[in-house]
Amino acid sequence: QFLRVTKQYLPHVARLCLISTFLEDGIRMWFQWSEQRDYIDSTWNCGYFLASIFVFINLFGQLSGCILVLSRNFVQYACFGLFGIIALQTIAYSILWDLKFLMR
């Protein structure tokens, strides 16, 4: 009986669980724009403009990917985009060489 009632909502809840990390990171990036920009600028010495572009690409890529996955439109392309964001963050935040972080 319970499954019959909740069956139509479970795919939406499952998708929300799968993209929750990207959604949280995108929202956090929105509210911590200046901190993110300053961190990229200080790490890469690229200037405010390029750091702002990087943060915008991150923010837009994550939130648009989440919206597309939740709306079930272009899901495959949205997943490829989110994977690209992971690759971009791995390089930009120097996660690839942080063994402790990778082991977690």
Protein backbone atom coordinates (compact mmCIF):
# COMPACT_ATOMS: atom_id res chain seq x y z
CA GLN A 1 0.00 0.00 0.00
CA PHE A 2 2.81 2.40 0.95
CA LEU A 3 4.70 1.72 -2.30
CA ARG A 4 1.62 2.41 -4.39
CA VAL A 5 1.21 5.82 -2.80
CA THR A 6 4.89 6.84 -2.92
CA LYS A 7 5.81 5.22 -6.24
CA GLN A 8 5.35 8.41 -8.25
CA TYR A 9 7.56 10.47 -5.90
CA LEU A 10 10.48 8.07 -5.48
CA PRO A 11 12.23 8.89 -8.80
CA HIS A 12 12.22 12.60 -7.91
CA VAL A 13 13.57 11.93 -4.42
CA ALA A 14 16.27 9.62 -5.84
CA ARG A 15 17.37 12.25 -8.35
CA LEU A 16 17.44 14.91 -5.64
CA CYS A 17 19.64 12.67 -3.48
CA LEU A 18 22.03 12.04 -6.37
CA ILE A 19 22.53 15.71 -7.21
CA SER A 20 22.32 17.10 -3.66
CA THR A 21 26.08 17.68 -3.43
CA PHE A 22 26.10 19.75 -6.61
CA LEU A 23 23.02 21.67 -5.52
CA GLU A 24 24.51 22.48 -2.12
CA ASP A 25 27.84 23.51 -3.64
CA GLY A 26 26.15 25.74 -6.21
CA ILE A 27 24.02 27.47 -3.59
CA ARG A 28 27.02 27.89 -1.29
CA MET A 29 29.01 29.34 -4.18
CA TRP A 30 26.21 31.86 -4.77
CA PHE A 31 26.30 33.07 -1.17
CA GLN A 32 30.11 32.95 -0.85
CA TRP A 33 30.92 34.49 -4.23
CA SER A 34 33.64 36.85 -3.01
CA GLU A 35 35.35 34.23 -0.86
CA GLN A 36 35.43 31.75 -3.75
CA ARG A 37 36.72 34.40 -6.16
CA ASP A 38 39.40 35.56 -3.73
CA TYR A 39 40.55 31.97 -3.10
CA ILE A 40 40.94 31.24 -6.82
CA ASP A 41 42.68 34.57 -7.35
CA SER A 42 45.13 34.00 -4.50
CA THR A 43 45.79 30.37 -5.47
CA TRP A 44 46.32 30.90 -9.20
CA ASN A 45 47.22 34.62 -9.28
CA CYS A 46 44.90 35.07 -12.24
CA GLY A 47 43.15 38.32 -11.28
CA TYR A 48 39.60 39.06 -10.23
CA PHE A 49 38.17 38.83 -13.74
CA LEU A 50 39.38 35.30 -14.52
CA ALA A 51 38.61 34.15 -10.99
CA SER A 52 35.07 35.52 -11.34
CA ILE A 53 34.64 33.73 -14.67
CA PHE A 54 35.80 30.48 -13.09
CA VAL A 55 33.36 30.84 -10.18
CA PHE A 56 30.55 31.73 -12.59
CA ILE A 57 31.23 28.67 -14.77
CA ASN A 58 31.25 26.51 -11.65
CA LEU A 59 28.04 28.05 -10.32
CA PHE A 60 26.18 27.99 -13.63
CA GLY A 61 27.37 24.49 -14.52
CA GLN A 62 26.30 23.00 -11.22
CA LEU A 63 22.92 24.70 -10.90
CA SER A 64 21.92 24.22 -14.54
CA GLY A 65 22.98 20.56 -14.40
CA CYS A 66 20.89 20.06 -11.27
CA ILE A 67 17.86 21.74 -12.82
CA LEU A 68 18.14 19.63 -15.98
CA VAL A 69 18.47 16.38 -14.02
CA LEU A 70 15.51 17.20 -11.78
CA SER A 71 13.34 18.24 -14.72
CA ARG A 72 14.36 15.12 -16.68
CA ASN A 73 15.47 17.18 -19.68
CA PHE A 74 18.77 16.36 -21.41
CA VAL A 75 19.82 14.20 -18.43
CA GLN A 76 22.74 12.60 -20.23
CA TYR A 77 24.21 15.98 -21.23
CA ALA A 78 23.59 17.34 -17.72
CA CYS A 79 25.49 14.41 -16.21
CA PHE A 80 28.39 14.96 -18.61
CA GLY A 81 28.38 18.64 -17.62
CA LEU A 82 28.43 17.79 -13.91
CA PHE A 83 31.29 15.37 -14.54
CA GLY A 84 33.15 18.18 -16.31
CA ILE A 85 32.60 20.41 -13.28
CA ILE A 86 34.15 17.71 -11.09
CA ALA A 87 37.19 17.54 -13.38
CA LEU A 88 37.48 21.34 -13.42
CA GLN A 89 37.30 21.56 -9.63
CA THR A 90 39.83 18.76 -9.23
CA ILE A 91 42.37 20.77 -11.19
CA ALA A 92 41.49 24.24 -9.91
CA TYR A 93 41.38 23.38 -6.21
CA SER A 94 44.45 21.08 -6.44
CA ILE A 95 42.46 18.14 -5.11
CA LEU A 96 44.28 15.67 -7.34
CA TRP A 97 47.49 15.95 -5.34
CA ASP A 98 45.86 15.99 -1.88
CA LEU A 99 46.09 12.33 -0.88
CA LYS A 100 44.16 12.82 2.40
CA PHE A 101 41.24 14.39 0.60
CA LEU A 102 41.17 11.68 -2.07
CA MET A 103 41.24 8.92 0.54
CA ARG A 104 38.19 10.44 2.27
